[in-house]
């Protein structure tokens, strides 16, 4: 994982795919990836925004269902929305 990357987790695969559709429509950078080790979530998929992305980019998909938002720093994930 790239240092500074933002990872969004989901409660279901359906939520992950809906988020992907909304993110692409909004021009949000990133892609679906397998859930990284070190993060516990209900769904095995996560959306990864590139390193250096501002968490404010997620405002474009604020209404979409998700479980958590994390930033990868110093080989660990830190929850941003707790």
PDB file of N, CA and C in Angstrom:
ATOM      1  N   UNK A   1       0.855  -1.179   0.000  1.00  0.00           N
ATOM      2  CA  UNK A   1       0.000   0.000   0.000  1.00  0.00           C
ATOM      3  C   UNK A   1       0.892   1.230   0.000  1.00  0.00           C
ATOM      4  N   UNK A   2       0.479   2.235  -0.732  1.00  0.00           N
ATOM      5  CA  UNK A   2       1.221   3.491  -0.815  1.00  0.00           C
ATOM      6  C   UNK A   2       0.987   4.337   0.425  1.00  0.00           C
ATOM      7  N   UNK A   3       2.047   4.904   0.977  1.00  0.00           N
ATOM      8  CA  UNK A   3       1.906   5.785   2.140  1.00  0.00           C
ATOM      9  C   UNK A   3       1.017   6.968   1.768  1.00  0.00           C
ATOM     10  N   UNK A   4       0.070   7.275   2.631  1.00  0.00           N
ATOM     11  CA  UNK A   4      -0.840   8.387   2.414  1.00  0.00           C
ATOM     12  C   UNK A   4      -2.107   8.035   1.666  1.00  0.00           C
ATOM     13  N   UNK A   5      -2.221   6.804   1.192  1.00  0.00           N
ATOM     14  CA  UNK A   5      -3.422   6.390   0.470  1.00  0.00           C
ATOM     15  C   UNK A   5      -4.622   6.384   1.412  1.00  0.00           C
ATOM     16  N   UNK A   6      -5.798   6.653   0.862  1.00  0.00           N
ATOM     17  CA  UNK A   6      -7.045   6.607   1.619  1.00  0.00           C
ATOM     18  C   UNK A   6      -7.817   5.373   1.178  1.00  0.00           C
ATOM     19  N   UNK A   7      -8.362   4.633   2.145  1.00  0.00           N
ATOM     20  CA  UNK A   7      -9.109   3.414   1.873  1.00  0.00           C
ATOM     21  C   UNK A   7     -10.507   3.553   2.484  1.00  0.00           C
ATOM     22  N   UNK A   8     -11.523   3.257   1.685  1.00  0.00           N
ATOM     23  CA  UNK A   8     -12.914   3.295   2.134  1.00  0.00           C
ATOM     24  C   UNK A   8     -13.412   1.857   2.187  1.00  0.00           C
ATOM     25  N   UNK A   9     -13.987   1.446   3.322  1.00  0.00           N
ATOM     26  CA  UNK A   9     -14.498   0.090   3.473  1.00  0.00           C
ATOM     27  C   UNK A   9     -16.025   0.075   3.412  1.00  0.00           C
ATOM     28  N   UNK A  10     -16.576  -1.124   3.181  1.00  0.00           N
ATOM     29  CA  UNK A  10     -18.015  -1.258   2.941  1.00  0.00           C
ATOM     30  C   UNK A  10     -18.624  -2.398   3.743  1.00  0.00           C
ATOM     31  N   UNK A  11     -19.933  -2.318   3.915  1.00  0.00           N
ATOM     32  CA  UNK A  11     -20.668  -3.343   4.642  1.00  0.00           C
ATOM     33  C   UNK A  11     -21.129  -4.485   3.759  1.00  0.00           C
ATOM     34  N   UNK A  12     -21.126  -4.274   2.439  1.00  0.00           N
ATOM     35  CA  UNK A  12     -21.551  -5.330   1.526  1.00  0.00           C
ATOM     36  C   UNK A  12     -20.922  -5.097   0.159  1.00  0.00           C
ATOM     37  N   UNK A  13     -20.892  -6.148  -0.620  1.00  0.00           N
ATOM     38  CA  UNK A  13     -20.376  -6.039  -1.982  1.00  0.00           C
ATOM     39  C   UNK A  13     -21.241  -5.101  -2.809  1.00  0.00           C
ATOM     40  N   UNK A  14     -22.545  -5.146  -2.589  1.00  0.00           N
ATOM     41  CA  UNK A  14     -23.452  -4.243  -3.298  1.00  0.00           C
ATOM     42  C   UNK A  14     -23.102  -2.789  -3.008  1.00  0.00           C
ATOM     43  N   UNK A  15     -22.808  -2.470  -1.739  1.00  0.00           N
ATOM     44  CA  UNK A  15     -22.404  -1.101  -1.384  1.00  0.00           C
ATOM     45  C   UNK A  15     -21.100  -0.721  -2.089  1.00  0.00           C
ATOM     46  N   UNK A  16     -20.168  -1.663  -2.177  1.00  0.00           N
ATOM     47  CA  UNK A  16     -18.884  -1.391  -2.835  1.00  0.00           C
ATOM     48  C   UNK A  16     -19.090  -1.089  -4.317  1.00  0.00           C
ATOM     49  N   UNK A  17     -19.912  -1.886  -4.990  1.00  0.00           N
ATOM     50  CA  UNK A  17     -20.149  -1.666  -6.419  1.00  0.00           C
ATOM     51  C   UNK A  17     -20.928  -0.377  -6.670  1.00  0.00           C
ATOM     52  N   UNK A  18     -21.884  -0.060  -5.794  1.00  0.00           N
ATOM     53  CA  UNK A  18     -22.631   1.194  -5.929  1.00  0.00           C
ATOM     54  C   UNK A  18     -21.692   2.386  -5.734  1.00  0.00           C
ATOM     55  N   UNK A  19     -20.774   2.277  -4.755  1.00  0.00           N
ATOM     56  CA  UNK A  19     -19.798   3.332  -4.516  1.00  0.00           C
ATOM     57  C   UNK A  19     -18.905   3.491  -5.743  1.00  0.00           C
ATOM     58  N   UNK A  20     -18.473   2.381  -6.330  1.00  0.00           N
ATOM     59  CA  UNK A  20     -17.627   2.446  -7.526  1.00  0.00           C
ATOM     60  C   UNK A  20     -18.339   3.196  -8.648  1.00  0.00           C
ATOM     61  N   UNK A  21     -19.597   2.867  -8.890  1.00  0.00           N
ATOM     62  CA  UNK A  21     -20.361   3.546  -9.939  1.00  0.00           C
ATOM     63  C   UNK A  21     -20.465   5.048  -9.666  1.00  0.00           C
ATOM     64  N   UNK A  22     -20.800   5.407  -8.413  1.00  0.00           N
ATOM     65  CA  UNK A  22     -20.939   6.823  -8.056  1.00  0.00           C
ATOM     66  C   UNK A  22     -19.599   7.549  -8.143  1.00  0.00           C
ATOM     67  N   UNK A  23     -18.529   6.887  -7.701  1.00  0.00           N
ATOM     68  CA  UNK A  23     -17.198   7.511  -7.732  1.00  0.00           C
ATOM     69  C   UNK A  23     -16.769   7.782  -9.167  1.00  0.00           C
ATOM     70  N   UNK A  24     -16.978   6.820 -10.039  1.00  0.00           N
ATOM     71  CA  UNK A  24     -16.604   7.017 -11.443  1.00  0.00           C
ATOM     72  C   UNK A  24     -17.433   8.141 -12.068  1.00  0.00           C
ATOM     73  N   UNK A  25     -18.727   8.184 -11.769  1.00  0.00           N
ATOM     74  CA  UNK A  25     -19.595   9.235 -12.305  1.00  0.00           C
ATOM     75  C   UNK A  25     -19.174  10.616 -11.803  1.00  0.00           C
ATOM     76  N   UNK A  26     -18.651  10.665 -10.561  1.00  0.00           N
ATOM     77  CA  UNK A  26     -18.225  11.941  -9.972  1.00  0.00           C
ATOM     78  C   UNK A  26     -16.780  12.295 -10.329  1.00  0.00           C
ATOM     79  N   UNK A  27     -16.091  11.390 -11.023  1.00  0.00           N
ATOM     80  CA  UNK A  27     -14.699  11.646 -11.381  1.00  0.00           C
ATOM     81  C   UNK A  27     -13.723  11.456 -10.239  1.00  0.00           C
ATOM     82  N   UNK A  28     -14.128  10.706  -9.228  1.00  0.00           N
ATOM     83  CA  UNK A  28     -13.271  10.454  -8.072  1.00  0.00           C
ATOM     84  C   UNK A  28     -12.167   9.477  -8.466  1.00  0.00           C
ATOM     85  N   UNK A  29     -10.912   9.800  -8.195  1.00  0.00           N
ATOM     86  CA  UNK A  29      -9.835   8.878  -8.548  1.00  0.00           C
ATOM     87  C   UNK A  29      -9.842   7.658  -7.643  1.00  0.00           C
ATOM     88  N   UNK A  30      -9.320   6.552  -8.132  1.00  0.00           N
ATOM     89  CA  UNK A  30      -9.197   5.362  -7.319  1.00  0.00           C
ATOM     90  C   UNK A  30      -9.795   4.151  -7.984  1.00  0.00           C
ATOM     91  N   UNK A  31      -9.806   3.049  -7.210  1.00  0.00           N
ATOM     92  CA  UNK A  31     -10.334   1.791  -7.730  1.00  0.00           C
ATOM     93  C   UNK A  31     -10.674   0.859  -6.574  1.00  0.00           C
ATOM     94  N   UNK A  32     -11.486  -0.154  -6.871  1.00  0.00           N
ATOM     95  CA  UNK A  32     -11.783  -1.179  -5.880  1.00  0.00           C
ATOM     96  C   UNK A  32     -10.579  -2.113  -5.760  1.00  0.00           C
ATOM     97  N   UNK A  33     -10.272  -2.495  -4.523  1.00  0.00           N
ATOM     98  CA  UNK A  33      -9.169  -3.411  -4.237  1.00  0.00           C
ATOM     99  C   UNK A  33      -9.650  -4.432  -3.208  1.00  0.00           C
ATOM    100  N   UNK A  34      -8.940  -5.551  -3.067  1.00  0.00           N
ATOM    101  CA  UNK A  34      -9.256  -6.455  -1.956  1.00  0.00           C
ATOM    102  C   UNK A  34      -8.992  -5.741  -0.628  1.00  0.00           C
ATOM    103  N   UNK A  35      -9.795  -6.036   0.368  1.00  0.00           N
ATOM    104  CA  UNK A  35      -9.639  -5.408   1.681  1.00  0.00           C
ATOM    105  C   UNK A  35      -8.226  -5.664   2.205  1.00  0.00           C
ATOM    106  N   UNK A  36      -7.489  -4.606   2.529  1.00  0.00           N
ATOM    107  CA  UNK A  36      -6.127  -4.802   3.042  1.00  0.00           C
ATOM    108  C   UNK A  36      -6.127  -5.480   4.410  1.00  0.00           C
ATOM    109  N   UNK A  37      -5.096  -6.271   4.666  1.00  0.00           N
ATOM    110  CA  UNK A  37      -4.937  -6.823   6.011  1.00  0.00           C
ATOM    111  C   UNK A  37      -4.655  -5.654   6.934  1.00  0.00           C
ATOM    112  N   UNK A  38      -5.111  -5.733   8.128  1.00  0.00           N
ATOM    113  CA  UNK A  38      -4.953  -4.626   9.059  1.00  0.00           C
ATOM    114  C   UNK A  38      -6.216  -3.804   9.214  1.00  0.00           C
ATOM    115  N   UNK A  39      -7.215  -4.067   8.363  1.00  0.00           N
ATOM    116  CA  UNK A  39      -8.514  -3.397   8.472  1.00  0.00           C
ATOM    117  C   UNK A  39      -9.579  -4.482   8.583  1.00  0.00           C
ATOM    118  N   UNK A  40     -10.470  -4.348   9.551  1.00  0.00           N
ATOM    119  CA  UNK A  40     -11.593  -5.268   9.689  1.00  0.00           C
ATOM    120  C   UNK A  40     -12.842  -4.607   9.110  1.00  0.00           C
ATOM    121  N   UNK A  41     -13.509  -5.306   8.212  1.00  0.00           N
ATOM    122  CA  UNK A  41     -14.745  -4.795   7.622  1.00  0.00           C
ATOM    123  C   UNK A  41     -15.609  -5.984   7.223  1.00  0.00           C
ATOM    124  N   UNK A  42     -16.876  -5.723   7.026  1.00  0.00           N
ATOM    125  CA  UNK A  42     -17.820  -6.770   6.673  1.00  0.00           C
ATOM    126  C   UNK A  42     -17.597  -7.277   5.254  1.00  0.00           C
ATOM    127  N   UNK A  43     -17.270  -6.374   4.335  1.00  0.00           N
ATOM    128  CA  UNK A  43     -17.072  -6.706   2.928  1.00  0.00           C
ATOM    129  C   UNK A  43     -15.577  -6.867   2.638  1.00  0.00           C
ATOM    130  N   UNK A  44     -15.250  -7.735   1.716  1.00  0.00           N
ATOM    131  CA  UNK A  44     -13.861  -7.980   1.358  1.00  0.00           C
ATOM    132  C   UNK A  44     -13.311  -7.042   0.303  1.00  0.00           C
ATOM    133  N   UNK A  45     -14.079  -5.993  -0.055  1.00  0.00           N
ATOM    134  CA  UNK A  45     -13.615  -5.006  -1.026  1.00  0.00           C
ATOM    135  C   UNK A  45     -13.467  -3.642  -0.368  1.00  0.00           C
ATOM    136  N   UNK A  46     -12.586  -2.824  -0.923  1.00  0.00           N
ATOM    137  CA  UNK A  46     -12.378  -1.457  -0.436  1.00  0.00           C
ATOM    138  C   UNK A  46     -12.061  -0.565  -1.627  1.00  0.00           C
ATOM    139  N   UNK A  47     -12.344   0.713  -1.488  1.00  0.00           N
ATOM    140  CA  UNK A  47     -11.996   1.695  -2.522  1.00  0.00           C
ATOM    141  C   UNK A  47     -10.706   2.373  -2.091  1.00  0.00           C
ATOM    142  N   UNK A  48      -9.715   2.380  -2.962  1.00  0.00           N
ATOM    143  CA  UNK A  48      -8.429   3.007  -2.655  1.00  0.00           C
ATOM    144  C   UNK A  48      -8.265   4.272  -3.483  1.00  0.00           C
ATOM    145  N   UNK A  49      -8.092   5.404  -2.774  1.00  0.00           N
ATOM    146  CA  UNK A  49      -7.748   6.654  -3.429  1.00  0.00           C
ATOM    147  C   UNK A  49      -6.230   6.758  -3.455  1.00  0.00           C
ATOM    148  N   UNK A  50      -5.659   7.364  -4.495  1.00  0.00           N
ATOM    149  CA  UNK A  50      -4.204   7.452  -4.600  1.00  0.00           C
ATOM    150  C   UNK A  50      -3.568   8.208  -3.438  1.00  0.00           C
ATOM    151  N   UNK A  51      -2.280   7.958  -3.238  1.00  0.00           N
ATOM    152  CA  UNK A  51      -1.512   8.660  -2.210  1.00  0.00           C
ATOM    153  C   UNK A  51      -1.633  10.158  -2.422  1.00  0.00           C
ATOM    154  N   UNK A  52      -1.724  10.872  -1.325  1.00  0.00           N
ATOM    155  CA  UNK A  52      -1.809  12.325  -1.391  1.00  0.00           C
ATOM    156  C   UNK A  52      -3.200  12.862  -1.660  1.00  0.00           C
ATOM    157  N   UNK A  53      -4.169  11.989  -1.841  1.00  0.00           N
ATOM    158  CA  UNK A  53      -5.538  12.446  -2.068  1.00  0.00           C
ATOM    159  C   UNK A  53      -6.083  13.091  -0.803  1.00  0.00           C
ATOM    160  N   UNK A  54      -6.841  14.145  -0.974  1.00  0.00           N
ATOM    161  CA  UNK A  54      -7.467  14.816   0.163  1.00  0.00           C
ATOM    162  C   UNK A  54      -8.764  14.101   0.503  1.00  0.00           C
ATOM    163  N   UNK A  55      -9.008  13.915   1.788  1.00  0.00           N
ATOM    164  CA  UNK A  55     -10.231  13.247   2.229  1.00  0.00           C
ATOM    165  C   UNK A  55     -11.462  14.036   1.777  1.00  0.00           C
ATOM    166  N   UNK A  56     -11.307  15.316   1.507  1.00  0.00           N
ATOM    167  CA  UNK A  56     -12.420  16.150   1.038  1.00  0.00           C
ATOM    168  C   UNK A  56     -12.955  15.678  -0.316  1.00  0.00           C
ATOM    169  N   UNK A  57     -12.144  14.940  -1.068  1.00  0.00           N
ATOM    170  CA  UNK A  57     -12.627  14.393  -2.342  1.00  0.00           C
ATOM    171  C   UNK A  57     -13.840  13.496  -2.139  1.00  0.00           C
ATOM    172  N   UNK A  58     -13.949  12.894  -0.962  1.00  0.00           N
ATOM    173  CA  UNK A  58     -15.057  11.985  -0.685  1.00  0.00           C
ATOM    174  C   UNK A  58     -16.394  12.708  -0.566  1.00  0.00           C
ATOM    175  N   UNK A  59     -16.376  14.019  -0.497  1.00  0.00           N
ATOM    176  CA  UNK A  59     -17.624  14.784  -0.425  1.00  0.00           C
ATOM    177  C   UNK A  59     -18.488  14.521  -1.664  1.00  0.00           C
ATOM    178  N   UNK A  60     -17.846  14.204  -2.788  1.00  0.00           N
ATOM    179  CA  UNK A  60     -18.577  13.943  -4.024  1.00  0.00           C
ATOM    180  C   UNK A  60     -19.464  12.709  -3.910  1.00  0.00           C
ATOM    181  N   UNK A  61     -19.130  11.812  -2.998  1.00  0.00           N
ATOM    182  CA  UNK A  61     -19.910  10.584  -2.818  1.00  0.00           C
ATOM    183  C   UNK A  61     -20.371  10.447  -1.367  1.00  0.00           C
ATOM    184  N   UNK A  62     -20.610  11.570  -0.716  1.00  0.00           N
ATOM    185  CA  UNK A  62     -20.939  11.598   0.718  1.00  0.00           C
ATOM    186  C   UNK A  62     -22.188  10.802   1.050  1.00  0.00           C
ATOM    187  N   UNK A  63     -23.135  10.709   0.153  1.00  0.00           N
ATOM    188  CA  UNK A  63     -24.375  10.003   0.428  1.00  0.00           C
ATOM    189  C   UNK A  63     -24.277   8.492   0.269  1.00  0.00           C
ATOM    190  N   UNK A  64     -23.144   8.001  -0.183  1.00  0.00           N
ATOM    191  CA  UNK A  64     -22.989   6.572  -0.420  1.00  0.00           C
ATOM    192  C   UNK A  64     -22.697   5.830   0.886  1.00  0.00           C
ATOM    193  N   UNK A  65     -23.240   4.627   1.000  1.00  0.00           N
ATOM    194  CA  UNK A  65     -23.028   3.820   2.208  1.00  0.00           C
ATOM    195  C   UNK A  65     -21.608   3.274   2.239  1.00  0.00           C
ATOM    196  N   UNK A  66     -20.998   3.365   3.409  1.00  0.00           N
ATOM    197  CA  UNK A  66     -19.675   2.793   3.632  1.00  0.00           C
ATOM    198  C   UNK A  66     -19.509   2.507   5.116  1.00  0.00           C
ATOM    199  N   UNK A  67     -18.500   1.728   5.466  1.00  0.00           N
ATOM    200  CA  UNK A  67     -18.257   1.393   6.881  1.00  0.00           C
ATOM    201  C   UNK A  67     -17.219   2.288   7.517  1.00  0.00           C
ATOM    202  N   UNK A  68     -16.137   2.572   6.807  1.00  0.00           N
ATOM    203  CA  UNK A  68     -15.064   3.352   7.406  1.00  0.00           C
ATOM    204  C   UNK A  68     -14.165   3.981   6.362  1.00  0.00           C
ATOM    205  N   UNK A  69     -13.419   4.996   6.803  1.00  0.00           N
ATOM    206  CA  UNK A  69     -12.442   5.679   5.949  1.00  0.00           C
ATOM    207  C   UNK A  69     -11.122   5.680   6.706  1.00  0.00           C
ATOM    208  N   UNK A  70     -10.080   5.207   6.055  1.00  0.00           N
ATOM    209  CA  UNK A  70      -8.776   5.047   6.684  1.00  0.00           C
ATOM    210  C   UNK A  70      -7.690   5.690   5.833  1.00  0.00           C
ATOM    211  N   UNK A  71      -6.620   6.149   6.481  1.00  0.00           N
ATOM    212  CA  UNK A  71      -5.417   6.611   5.773  1.00  0.00           C
ATOM    213  C   UNK A  71      -4.273   5.701   6.198  1.00  0.00           C
ATOM    214  N   UNK A  72      -3.447   5.306   5.207  1.00  0.00           N
ATOM    215  CA  UNK A  72      -2.304   4.436   5.456  1.00  0.00           C
ATOM    216  C   UNK A  72      -1.070   5.305   5.694  1.00  0.00           C
ATOM    217  N   UNK A  73      -0.539   5.255   6.921  1.00  0.00           N
ATOM    218  CA  UNK A  73       0.633   6.056   7.302  1.00  0.00           C
ATOM    219  C   UNK A  73       1.535   5.191   8.178  1.00  0.00           C
ATOM    220  N   UNK A  74       2.823   5.210   7.910  1.00  0.00           N
ATOM    221  CA  UNK A  74       3.804   4.476   8.724  1.00  0.00           C
ATOM    222  C   UNK A  74       3.420   3.007   8.903  1.00  0.00           C
ATOM    223  N   UNK A  75       3.046   2.365   7.809  1.00  0.00           N
ATOM    224  CA  UNK A  75       2.696   0.942   7.791  1.00  0.00           C
ATOM    225  C   UNK A  75       1.517   0.572   8.693  1.00  0.00           C
ATOM    226  N   UNK A  76       0.606   1.510   8.904  1.00  0.00           N
ATOM    227  CA  UNK A  76      -0.590   1.244   9.708  1.00  0.00           C
ATOM    228  C   UNK A  76      -1.763   2.053   9.138  1.00  0.00           C
ATOM    229  N   UNK A  77      -2.973   1.568   9.403  1.00  0.00           N
ATOM    230  CA  UNK A  77      -4.182   2.261   8.966  1.00  0.00           C
ATOM    231  C   UNK A  77      -4.769   3.032  10.133  1.00  0.00           C
ATOM    232  N   UNK A  78      -5.097   4.299   9.887  1.00  0.00           N
ATOM    233  CA  UNK A  78      -5.695   5.156  10.904  1.00  0.00           C
ATOM    234  C   UNK A  78      -7.070   5.583  10.431  1.00  0.00           C
ATOM    235  N   UNK A  79      -8.071   5.331  11.271  1.00  0.00           N
ATOM    236  CA  UNK A  79      -9.448   5.652  10.893  1.00  0.00           C
ATOM    237  C   UNK A  79      -9.645   7.165  10.945  1.00  0.00           C
ATOM    238  N   UNK A  80     -10.236   7.708   9.889  1.00  0.00           N
ATOM    239  CA  UNK A  80     -10.447   9.149   9.771  1.00  0.00           C
ATOM    240  C   UNK A  80     -11.853   9.566  10.163  1.00  0.00           C
ATOM    241  N   UNK A  81     -12.799   8.647  10.144  1.00  0.00           N
ATOM    242  CA  UNK A  81     -14.197   9.016  10.376  1.00  0.00           C
ATOM    243  C   UNK A  81     -14.749   8.512  11.703  1.00  0.00           C
ATOM    244  N   UNK A  82     -13.884   8.128  12.611  1.00  0.00           N
ATOM    245  CA  UNK A  82     -14.352   7.589  13.890  1.00  0.00           C
ATOM    246  C   UNK A  82     -14.743   8.687  14.853  1.00  0.00           C
TER     247      UNK A  82
END
